[in-house]
């Protein structure tokens, strides 16, 4: 006779509590509150989350940046309504420092499981693992791991009281501990797959995502992955089931399992499910006053630009230039006094009205990035531009977006736009040989030591820009770019956008 269990798994909800698309200012079938209405929790049900909950929407941005708001923690309240049992931390959960993590964990009824995070202050209720005994007698062993690239990406002050240990080593240690004392072992891994789930092709040589290696080498029955925002209803690496929901609380994973009661064969079935369009009255009604404040805040005018910008298609902007990216680079150069600036855009086409609101800025710059100035030279800049030029592929003489920026995860944000230089890409040439012109913006040679302003994310070398990780850091800011953009537009309205873009793409 077999005994059964089920698991509901969410990850990378990124602050999506309410069923709202903030950029478009409309409702949608998404959000943790709607997810809570979908899930019926039985005695042998576990509900688990994979992290990246504290960054991504104006709601959580407003809550964390307005400490005078004494109301309940919106993300924690939503997860409490969901009946969440266990969760781990994601890399973006570190973006706001120790106190934000502490307050979040304290507000959660669920237990935080993260074996490779050490709390040097001793105020965080984090466990390396747990054994959950179901009513049917099954012992479910659970541990959690966050990608150790947090050490590369995060601002040092946010890790002052935290130590993020090697992901593989800690996962291996937890597997050794759990296997003898549980019937089913689960690893919540806030990291992704290093190999394409369909073709098996290697996606990256970095250690940011190592789920396949964890499955091959360690003895876990289930690995609940995240971070990459891929839609994986269920694949096997050896005998280990791996799943991953996409971002922003629009879908979740359901796993049903059974095991012979003598500890025999384990059977697993899994699927992705869409979040429905309904929510319960509570805590929706209790959190609604905060949401209404956020909506009012978003609609406040900040200033103006000299002309409206229609939403810019990703390929068109990469070929012909982006007014929105030009604005961001203007802001970065003004803020830091650097010689050169580079910035990226989110995955969705974004424009700006002549009157700019907080909603416009939140939609146009959806990242909690800060600014870093690095010492570079012409060779470094050329390498960065060659990475950008690999965004294109020619098919029948027409430029298209390379699959490397689309699969397994859409990464338009890894194409950068520059200011302070002039450059050309000839995409008829092989990848790595496409930069055919590179000068200062006045046409003079690009020589000597140069100061490059970029985001803290890009400065880590992420996204194929590894050369930046070895460059000396000249300046590291602490203010987030949405705030800097807001101040710039307020001070300089109407902001005059450049009439021409600093590069050309030849095809």
Protein backbone atom coordinates (compact mmCIF):
# COMPACT_ATOMS: atom_id res chain seq x y z
CA UNK A 1 0.00 0.00 0.00
CA UNK A 2 1.29 3.45 -0.93
CA UNK A 3 1.02 6.70 1.00
CA UNK A 4 0.73 9.98 -0.85
CA UNK A 5 1.69 13.63 -0.49
CA UNK A 6 1.61 16.81 -2.54
CA UNK A 7 3.79 19.88 -2.83
CA UNK A 8 2.95 23.34 -4.10
CA UNK A 9 6.02 25.34 -5.08
CA UNK A 10 6.38 29.01 -5.97
CA UNK A 11 9.55 30.96 -6.62
CA UNK A 12 10.71 34.37 -7.84
CA UNK A 13 7.39 36.02 -6.99
CA UNK A 14 9.29 39.34 -6.89
CA UNK A 15 6.88 41.27 -4.71
CA UNK A 16 3.78 40.32 -6.72
CA UNK A 17 1.23 40.25 -3.92
CA UNK A 18 -1.80 41.75 -5.64
CA UNK A 19 -3.16 40.68 -9.06
CA UNK A 20 -1.83 43.86 -10.66
CA UNK A 21 0.35 44.76 -13.62
CA UNK A 22 1.82 48.00 -12.26
CA UNK A 23 3.44 49.12 -15.49
CA UNK A 24 0.19 48.87 -17.46
CA UNK A 25 -2.01 49.81 -14.47
CA UNK A 26 -4.41 46.92 -14.92
CA UNK A 27 -5.46 43.75 -13.14
CA UNK A 28 -4.15 40.35 -14.16
CA UNK A 29 -4.43 36.75 -13.02
CA UNK A 30 -1.34 36.62 -10.83
CA UNK A 31 -0.06 37.35 -7.35
CA UNK A 32 0.40 35.47 -4.12
CA UNK A 33 -3.08 36.46 -2.90
CA UNK A 34 -4.71 34.86 -5.93
CA UNK A 35 -2.42 31.86 -5.61
CA UNK A 36 -3.67 31.43 -2.05
CA UNK A 37 -7.24 31.17 -3.31
CA UNK A 38 -6.24 28.38 -5.73
CA UNK A 39 -4.56 26.07 -3.24
CA UNK A 40 -6.42 23.74 -0.91
CA UNK A 41 -4.06 22.51 1.76
CA UNK A 42 -4.53 19.00 3.10
CA UNK A 43 -2.83 17.24 6.03
CA UNK A 44 -0.18 15.76 3.73
CA UNK A 45 0.45 18.93 1.72
CA UNK A 46 3.57 21.09 1.81
CA UNK A 47 3.70 24.61 0.41
CA UNK A 48 7.22 25.87 -0.34
CA UNK A 49 8.74 29.01 -1.85
CA UNK A 50 12.14 29.40 -3.49
CA UNK A 51 12.98 33.03 -2.74
CA UNK A 52 13.35 36.37 -4.52
CA UNK A 53 10.28 37.80 -2.80
CA UNK A 54 11.49 41.22 -1.61
CA UNK A 55 12.19 42.96 -4.92
CA UNK A 56 10.32 43.55 -8.12
CA UNK A 57 7.14 45.60 -7.69
CA UNK A 58 6.39 49.18 -6.64
CA UNK A 59 4.40 47.71 -3.74
CA UNK A 60 7.41 46.18 -2.00
CA UNK A 61 9.64 49.07 -3.15
CA UNK A 62 7.27 51.55 -1.49
CA UNK A 63 6.92 49.46 1.66
CA UNK A 64 10.66 49.03 2.19
CA UNK A 65 11.48 52.67 1.37
CA UNK A 66 8.79 54.13 3.65
CA UNK A 67 9.70 52.94 7.16
CA UNK A 68 6.97 55.16 8.59
CA UNK A 69 4.48 52.63 7.21
CA UNK A 70 3.76 50.56 10.33
CA UNK A 71 1.31 48.16 8.74
CA UNK A 72 1.80 44.42 8.17
CA UNK A 73 4.53 43.20 5.87
CA UNK A 74 2.66 42.72 2.56
CA UNK A 75 4.72 39.83 1.23
CA UNK A 76 4.73 37.98 4.55
CA UNK A 77 0.99 38.48 5.00
CA UNK A 78 0.32 37.09 1.54
CA UNK A 79 2.53 34.04 2.13
CA UNK A 80 0.91 33.50 5.53
CA UNK A 81 -2.49 33.45 3.80
CA UNK A 82 -1.10 30.96 1.31
CA UNK A 83 -0.26 28.63 4.19
CA UNK A 84 3.42 28.58 3.30
CA UNK A 85 5.39 26.01 5.28
CA UNK A 86 9.01 26.58 4.23
CA UNK A 87 10.99 29.04 2.15
CA UNK A 88 14.57 29.83 1.25
CA UNK A 89 16.22 33.14 0.38
CA UNK A 90 16.87 34.35 -3.15
CA UNK A 91 19.70 36.59 -4.30
CA UNK A 92 17.43 39.65 -4.58
CA UNK A 93 16.27 39.22 -0.99
CA UNK A 94 19.71 40.51 0.04
CA UNK A 95 19.30 43.78 -1.93
CA UNK A 96 17.92 45.73 1.00
CA UNK A 97 20.26 44.65 3.77
CA UNK A 98 20.20 42.62 6.95
CA UNK A 99 17.27 44.36 8.65
CA UNK A 100 14.94 43.85 5.68
CA UNK A 101 15.66 40.11 5.73
CA UNK A 102 15.26 39.98 9.51
CA UNK A 103 11.92 41.78 9.50
CA UNK A 104 10.65 39.59 6.67
CA UNK A 105 11.59 36.34 8.40
CA UNK A 106 10.03 37.53 11.67
CA UNK A 107 6.76 38.36 9.92
CA UNK A 108 6.56 34.93 8.27
CA UNK A 109 4.78 31.98 9.85
CA UNK A 110 6.74 29.71 7.55
CA UNK A 111 10.23 28.53 8.44
CA UNK A 112 13.26 29.84 6.60
CA UNK A 113 15.56 27.04 5.41
CA UNK A 114 18.92 28.11 3.97
CA UNK A 115 21.94 25.96 4.68
CA UNK A 116 24.58 28.15 3.04
CA UNK A 117 23.74 31.45 4.77
CA UNK A 118 25.46 32.12 8.09
CA UNK A 119 24.06 34.88 10.32
CA UNK A 120 26.96 36.63 12.05
CA UNK A 121 24.64 38.67 14.30
CA UNK A 122 22.46 35.77 15.36
CA UNK A 123 19.13 37.55 14.83
CA UNK A 124 17.81 35.56 11.87
CA UNK A 125 15.72 32.44 12.41
CA UNK A 126 17.31 30.40 9.62
CA UNK A 127 17.61 26.60 9.76
CA UNK A 128 19.94 24.52 7.59
CA UNK A 129 17.38 21.72 7.23
CA UNK A 130 14.25 20.20 8.72
CA UNK A 131 12.42 16.88 8.86
CA UNK A 132 8.70 17.35 8.29
CA UNK A 133 6.56 14.44 9.49
CA UNK A 134 3.35 14.10 7.50
CA UNK A 135 0.17 12.73 9.03
CA UNK A 136 0.61 9.54 6.98
CA UNK A 137 4.00 8.93 8.61
CA UNK A 138 6.24 9.98 5.70
CA UNK A 139 9.36 11.86 6.74
CA UNK A 140 10.12 14.70 4.31
CA UNK A 141 13.67 16.05 4.58
CA UNK A 142 14.02 19.63 3.37
CA UNK A 143 17.02 21.90 2.94
CA UNK A 144 17.58 25.16 1.08
CA UNK A 145 20.46 26.77 -0.80
CA UNK A 146 20.86 30.19 -2.48
CA UNK A 147 23.26 30.66 -5.38
CA UNK A 148 26.60 31.72 -3.95
CA UNK A 149 26.91 34.36 -6.68
CA UNK A 150 25.26 36.60 -4.10
CA UNK A 151 28.86 37.21 -3.02
CA UNK A 152 29.64 38.59 -6.47
CA UNK A 153 26.53 40.66 -7.06
CA UNK A 154 25.61 42.12 -3.71
CA UNK A 155 26.81 45.38 -2.18
CA UNK A 156 29.33 44.68 0.59
CA UNK A 157 27.32 46.60 3.20
CA UNK A 158 24.35 44.31 2.65
CA UNK A 159 26.49 41.27 3.48
CA UNK A 160 28.23 42.81 6.46
CA UNK A 161 26.54 40.47 8.93
CA UNK A 162 25.96 37.57 6.55
CA UNK A 163 28.19 34.95 5.01
CA UNK A 164 27.08 33.05 1.92
CA UNK A 165 28.92 29.73 1.67
CA UNK A 166 29.67 27.54 -1.33
CA UNK A 167 26.38 26.26 -2.72
CA UNK A 168 27.57 22.81 -3.81
CA UNK A 169 29.52 22.05 -0.65
CA UNK A 170 26.59 22.90 1.62
CA UNK A 171 24.09 21.03 -0.55
CA UNK A 172 26.35 17.99 -0.41
CA UNK A 173 26.64 18.19 3.37
CA UNK A 174 22.87 18.49 3.76
CA UNK A 175 22.30 15.50 1.46
CA UNK A 176 24.65 13.43 3.61
CA UNK A 177 22.73 14.42 6.75
CA UNK A 178 19.21 14.05 5.36
CA UNK A 179 19.38 10.80 3.44
CA UNK A 180 19.55 8.42 6.42
CA UNK A 181 16.80 10.18 8.39
CA UNK A 182 14.07 10.84 5.80
CA UNK A 183 11.95 9.03 3.25
CA UNK A 184 11.86 11.82 0.66
CA UNK A 185 14.61 14.45 0.36
CA UNK A 186 13.97 17.91 -1.10
CA UNK A 187 16.45 20.62 -1.99
CA UNK A 188 15.02 24.13 -2.42
CA UNK A 189 17.66 25.67 -4.67
CA UNK A 190 17.53 29.34 -5.56
CA UNK A 191 19.59 28.74 -8.63
CA UNK A 192 18.92 27.29 -12.04
CA UNK A 193 20.05 24.76 -14.60
CA UNK A 194 23.44 24.99 -16.24
CA UNK A 195 22.27 22.80 -19.12
CA UNK A 196 19.36 23.33 -21.50
CA UNK A 197 16.48 21.21 -20.16
CA UNK A 198 15.58 19.99 -23.68
CA UNK A 199 18.86 19.66 -25.58
CA UNK A 200 21.28 19.25 -22.69
CA UNK A 201 23.48 21.95 -24.21
CA UNK A 202 25.71 23.74 -21.72
CA UNK A 203 24.31 27.21 -21.01
CA UNK A 204 27.06 28.69 -18.87
CA UNK A 205 30.46 27.84 -17.48
CA UNK A 206 29.92 29.92 -14.34
CA UNK A 207 28.84 28.45 -11.00
CA UNK A 208 25.75 30.68 -10.81
CA UNK A 209 23.46 27.78 -11.76
CA UNK A 210 24.42 24.22 -10.86
CA UNK A 211 21.12 22.34 -10.49
CA UNK A 212 22.06 19.61 -12.97
CA UNK A 213 25.33 18.91 -11.15
CA UNK A 214 23.50 18.83 -7.82
CA UNK A 215 21.05 16.30 -9.26
CA UNK A 216 23.74 14.12 -10.82
CA UNK A 217 26.13 13.99 -7.91
CA UNK A 218 23.90 14.24 -4.83
CA UNK A 219 21.11 12.06 -3.52
CA UNK A 220 18.02 14.29 -3.63
CA UNK A 221 14.63 13.04 -4.77
CA UNK A 222 13.36 16.50 -5.70
CA UNK A 223 15.18 19.75 -6.50
CA UNK A 224 12.92 22.80 -6.53
CA UNK A 225 14.82 25.35 -8.64
CA UNK A 226 14.33 29.06 -9.35
CA UNK A 227 16.30 32.16 -10.28
CA UNK A 228 16.25 31.65 -14.06
CA UNK A 229 12.49 32.29 -14.44
CA UNK A 230 12.12 29.30 -16.76
CA UNK A 231 8.91 27.29 -17.06
CA UNK A 232 9.83 23.72 -16.13
CA UNK A 233 6.89 21.56 -15.13
CA UNK A 234 9.17 18.64 -14.45
CA UNK A 235 12.29 17.01 -15.90
CA UNK A 236 14.53 14.28 -14.57
CA UNK A 237 18.29 14.34 -14.16
CA UNK A 238 18.97 10.72 -13.31
CA UNK A 239 16.42 9.83 -10.64
CA UNK A 240 16.00 13.42 -9.41
CA UNK A 241 12.93 15.42 -10.38
CA UNK A 242 13.67 19.11 -11.11
CA UNK A 243 11.00 21.81 -11.51
CA UNK A 244 10.95 25.60 -11.89
CA UNK A 245 8.08 28.11 -12.12
CA UNK A 246 8.39 31.34 -14.11
CA UNK A 247 8.65 34.68 -12.33
CA UNK A 248 6.09 37.10 -10.91
CA UNK A 249 3.57 34.74 -9.34
CA UNK A 250 1.68 33.93 -12.52
CA UNK A 251 2.28 30.18 -12.25
CA UNK A 252 3.29 27.64 -9.64
CA UNK A 253 4.32 23.99 -9.61
CA UNK A 254 2.19 21.17 -8.26
CA UNK A 255 3.87 17.86 -7.39
CA UNK A 256 1.96 14.74 -6.36
CA UNK A 257 3.92 11.85 -4.92
CA UNK A 258 3.41 8.43 -3.46
CA UNK A 259 5.68 5.93 -1.76
CA UNK A 260 5.21 2.32 -0.79
CA UNK A 261 4.75 2.33 2.96
CA UNK A 262 7.67 -0.02 3.43
CA UNK A 263 9.98 2.73 2.17
CA UNK A 264 9.94 1.35 -1.35
CA UNK A 265 9.41 2.94 -4.76
CA UNK A 266 8.80 6.69 -4.95
CA UNK A 267 6.50 7.90 -7.73
CA UNK A 268 6.28 11.58 -8.67
CA UNK A 269 4.14 13.60 -11.06
CA UNK A 270 4.46 17.35 -11.56
CA UNK A 271 2.97 20.15 -13.61
CA UNK A 272 2.85 23.91 -13.92
CA UNK A 273 -0.45 25.53 -13.00
CA UNK A 274 -1.66 29.03 -13.81
CA UNK A 275 -2.79 31.33 -11.05
CA UNK A 276 -6.52 32.06 -11.19
CA UNK A 277 -8.40 35.33 -11.19
CA UNK A 278 -9.90 35.16 -7.70
CA UNK A 279 -8.70 36.04 -4.21
CA UNK A 280 -10.08 35.75 -0.70
CA UNK A 281 -11.30 38.80 1.21
CA UNK A 282 -8.42 38.54 3.68
CA UNK A 283 -5.69 39.62 3.76
CA UNK A 284 -6.63 41.39 0.50
CA UNK A 285 -8.86 43.90 2.30
CA UNK A 286 -6.34 44.50 5.10
CA UNK A 287 -3.52 45.19 2.63
CA UNK A 288 -5.63 47.26 0.25
CA UNK A 289 -4.97 50.62 2.00
CA UNK A 290 -1.23 50.12 1.38
CA UNK A 291 -1.89 49.19 -2.24
CA UNK A 292 -4.01 52.33 -2.69
CA UNK A 293 -1.16 54.46 -1.30
CA UNK A 294 1.20 52.81 -3.77
CA UNK A 295 -1.12 53.50 -6.70
CA UNK A 296 -1.42 57.16 -5.68
CA UNK A 297 2.36 57.40 -5.30
CA UNK A 298 2.88 55.85 -8.72
CA UNK A 299 0.67 58.40 -10.43
CA UNK A 300 2.44 61.40 -8.94
CA UNK A 301 4.17 63.44 -11.68
CA UNK A 302 7.93 63.68 -11.26
CA UNK A 303 8.76 66.03 -14.12
CA UNK A 304 8.90 66.02 -17.89
CA UNK A 305 11.00 65.23 -20.95
CA UNK A 306 11.08 67.32 -24.10
CA UNK A 307 9.17 64.78 -26.19
CA UNK A 308 7.23 61.57 -25.59
CA UNK A 309 8.93 58.25 -26.35
CA UNK A 310 6.83 55.49 -27.86
CA UNK A 311 7.42 51.94 -26.55
CA UNK A 312 10.68 50.75 -28.09
CA UNK A 313 10.82 47.28 -29.61
CA UNK A 314 13.78 45.28 -28.40
CA UNK A 315 15.38 44.55 -31.78
CA UNK A 316 14.62 48.01 -33.16
CA UNK A 317 16.20 49.69 -30.14
CA UNK A 318 19.28 47.47 -30.32
CA UNK A 319 19.77 48.40 -33.99
CA UNK A 320 18.75 52.05 -34.05
CA UNK A 321 19.16 53.21 -30.46
CA UNK A 322 16.95 53.85 -27.43
CA UNK A 323 15.85 57.21 -26.04
CA UNK A 324 15.08 55.53 -22.71
CA UNK A 325 18.59 54.07 -22.51
CA UNK A 326 20.02 57.45 -23.50
CA UNK A 327 18.18 59.01 -20.56
CA UNK A 328 19.54 56.42 -18.15
CA UNK A 329 23.08 56.99 -19.38
CA UNK A 330 22.67 60.75 -18.99
CA UNK A 331 21.59 60.17 -15.40
CA UNK A 332 24.53 57.86 -14.69
CA UNK A 333 27.12 60.25 -16.13
CA UNK A 334 25.65 63.17 -14.19
CA UNK A 335 25.59 61.19 -10.94
CA UNK A 336 29.15 59.86 -11.12
CA UNK A 337 31.14 62.11 -13.46
CA UNK A 338 32.40 59.05 -15.32
CA UNK A 339 33.82 59.21 -18.86
CA UNK A 340 31.64 56.41 -20.24
CA UNK A 341 28.33 54.93 -19.16
CA UNK A 342 26.51 51.75 -20.09
CA UNK A 343 23.01 50.65 -19.19
CA UNK A 344 20.48 48.02 -20.13
CA UNK A 345 16.70 47.86 -20.42
CA UNK A 346 14.18 45.37 -19.08
CA UNK A 347 12.67 42.62 -21.17
CA UNK A 348 9.46 44.48 -22.04
CA UNK A 349 9.22 47.34 -24.57
CA UNK A 350 8.90 50.58 -22.61
CA UNK A 351 8.23 54.19 -23.56
CA UNK A 352 7.79 57.44 -21.63
CA UNK A 353 5.18 60.16 -21.81
CA UNK A 354 6.17 63.81 -21.97
CA UNK A 355 5.03 64.03 -18.34
CA UNK A 356 6.89 61.40 -16.33
CA UNK A 357 5.34 59.75 -13.28
CA UNK A 358 6.72 57.35 -10.69
CA UNK A 359 4.84 54.59 -12.51
CA UNK A 360 6.73 55.41 -15.70
CA UNK A 361 10.08 55.25 -13.91
CA UNK A 362 9.20 51.99 -12.11
CA UNK A 363 8.18 50.41 -15.40
CA UNK A 364 11.16 51.71 -17.35
CA UNK A 365 13.77 50.80 -14.72
CA UNK A 366 12.47 47.70 -12.88
CA UNK A 367 15.77 46.88 -11.13
CA UNK A 368 17.07 47.71 -7.65
CA UNK A 369 20.52 48.46 -9.09
CA UNK A 370 23.09 50.85 -7.68
CA UNK A 371 25.98 52.44 -9.57
CA UNK A 372 29.62 51.40 -9.77
CA UNK A 373 32.49 53.18 -11.54
CA UNK A 374 35.27 50.94 -12.83
CA UNK A 375 38.69 51.71 -14.25
CA UNK A 376 38.83 50.37 -17.81
CA UNK A 377 40.73 50.85 -21.04
CA UNK A 378 39.97 50.61 -24.74
CA UNK A 379 40.48 46.86 -24.82
CA UNK A 380 37.93 46.32 -22.04
CA UNK A 381 35.38 48.54 -23.81
CA UNK A 382 35.92 46.64 -27.03
CA UNK A 383 35.29 43.32 -25.28
CA UNK A 384 32.06 44.69 -23.79
CA UNK A 385 30.89 45.89 -27.19
CA UNK A 386 31.67 42.55 -28.81
CA UNK A 387 29.43 40.93 -26.21
CA UNK A 388 26.67 43.39 -27.13
CA UNK A 389 27.19 42.73 -30.84
CA UNK A 390 26.57 39.01 -30.25
CA UNK A 391 22.94 39.96 -29.61
CA UNK A 392 22.38 39.81 -33.36
CA UNK A 393 22.22 37.02 -35.87
CA UNK A 394 21.68 37.46 -39.61
CA UNK A 395 19.09 35.29 -41.36
CA UNK A 396 18.62 35.87 -45.08
CA UNK A 397 20.40 39.18 -44.65
CA UNK A 398 18.01 40.41 -41.96
CA UNK A 399 19.03 40.93 -38.33
CA UNK A 400 17.31 38.88 -35.66
CA UNK A 401 17.95 38.35 -31.97
CA UNK A 402 20.39 35.58 -31.15
CA UNK A 403 18.96 32.56 -29.35
CA UNK A 404 21.63 33.07 -26.69
CA UNK A 405 19.60 36.05 -25.45
CA UNK A 406 16.26 34.24 -25.70
CA UNK A 407 16.83 30.68 -24.46
CA UNK A 408 16.54 29.14 -21.98
CA UNK A 409 15.68 32.51 -20.43
CA UNK A 410 14.84 35.80 -22.13
CA UNK A 411 17.71 38.19 -21.39
CA UNK A 412 17.28 41.37 -23.39
CA UNK A 413 18.69 43.10 -20.30
CA UNK A 414 22.10 41.69 -21.19
CA UNK A 415 22.34 43.95 -24.24
CA UNK A 416 23.95 47.23 -23.14
CA UNK A 417 23.70 50.75 -24.56
CA UNK A 418 26.70 53.07 -24.16
CA UNK A 419 27.27 56.82 -23.87
CA UNK A 420 30.54 58.77 -23.99
CA UNK A 421 31.79 56.83 -27.00
CA UNK A 422 30.92 56.34 -30.67
CA UNK A 423 30.96 52.83 -32.11
CA UNK A 424 29.86 50.63 -34.99
CA UNK A 425 28.87 46.98 -35.24
CA UNK A 426 29.17 45.16 -38.55
CA UNK A 427 27.05 42.09 -37.86
CA UNK A 428 27.99 40.53 -41.20
CA UNK A 429 31.27 39.68 -39.55
CA UNK A 430 31.85 36.75 -37.16
CA UNK A 431 30.93 37.12 -33.49
CA UNK A 432 33.94 38.56 -31.68
CA UNK A 433 35.04 40.59 -34.71
CA UNK A 434 32.10 42.93 -35.15
CA UNK A 435 33.30 46.20 -33.59
CA UNK A 436 34.61 48.12 -36.60
CA UNK A 437 34.79 51.63 -35.12
CA UNK A 438 35.36 52.86 -31.58
CA UNK A 439 36.26 56.42 -30.50
CA UNK A 440 35.37 58.97 -27.86
CA UNK A 441 32.07 60.74 -28.52
CA UNK A 442 33.95 63.67 -30.08
CA UNK A 443 35.67 61.35 -32.55
CA UNK A 444 39.10 61.41 -30.89
CA UNK A 445 40.95 58.17 -30.11
CA UNK A 446 39.91 56.21 -27.05
CA UNK A 447 43.15 56.02 -25.09
CA UNK A 448 44.49 55.70 -21.56
CA UNK A 449 42.66 54.86 -18.36
CA UNK A 450 38.92 55.49 -18.50
CA UNK A 451 36.12 55.62 -15.94
CA UNK A 452 33.13 53.44 -16.84
CA UNK A 453 29.85 53.80 -14.93
CA UNK A 454 27.60 50.77 -14.88
CA UNK A 455 25.21 48.97 -12.55
CA UNK A 456 26.38 46.87 -9.64
CA UNK A 457 24.83 43.89 -11.46
CA UNK A 458 26.88 44.42 -14.61
CA UNK A 459 30.04 45.34 -12.67
CA UNK A 460 30.04 41.82 -11.23
CA UNK A 461 30.70 40.49 -14.74
CA UNK A 462 27.28 38.89 -15.03
CA UNK A 463 25.59 38.37 -18.38
CA UNK A 464 28.69 37.60 -20.41
CA UNK A 465 30.69 40.64 -19.28
CA UNK A 466 33.20 38.72 -17.18
CA UNK A 467 36.03 41.12 -18.02
CA UNK A 468 34.44 43.71 -15.71
CA UNK A 469 34.84 41.56 -12.62
CA UNK A 470 38.62 42.09 -12.73
CA UNK A 471 38.51 45.88 -13.21
CA UNK A 472 39.46 48.16 -10.29
CA UNK A 473 36.50 49.75 -8.52
CA UNK A 474 36.79 53.55 -8.30
CA UNK A 475 33.36 54.27 -6.83
CA UNK A 476 30.49 52.26 -5.43
CA UNK A 477 27.20 54.05 -4.79
CA UNK A 478 24.46 53.06 -2.37
CA UNK A 479 21.42 54.78 -3.87
CA UNK A 480 19.18 52.81 -6.22
CA UNK A 481 18.81 53.94 -9.81
CA UNK A 482 15.02 54.57 -9.73
CA UNK A 483 15.61 57.14 -6.99
CA UNK A 484 18.49 58.74 -8.89
CA UNK A 485 16.40 58.93 -12.09
CA UNK A 486 13.56 60.54 -10.16
CA UNK A 487 15.83 63.23 -8.70
CA UNK A 488 17.43 63.93 -12.08
CA UNK A 489 14.10 64.44 -13.86
CA UNK A 490 12.79 66.64 -11.04
CA UNK A 491 15.88 68.84 -11.15
CA UNK A 492 16.22 69.17 -14.93
CA UNK A 493 12.68 69.18 -16.30
CA UNK A 494 12.04 69.36 -19.11
CA UNK A 495 14.89 66.93 -19.75
CA UNK A 496 16.28 67.26 -23.28
CA UNK A 497 16.85 63.87 -24.82
CA UNK A 498 19.62 63.43 -27.39
CA UNK A 499 18.56 63.72 -31.02
CA UNK A 500 21.06 61.12 -32.20
CA UNK A 501 22.30 57.83 -30.84
CA UNK A 502 26.05 57.13 -30.47
CA UNK A 503 26.26 53.94 -32.51
CA UNK A 504 25.45 52.31 -35.83
CA UNK A 505 24.69 48.71 -36.76
CA UNK A 506 25.70 47.61 -40.26
CA UNK A 507 24.05 44.59 -41.89
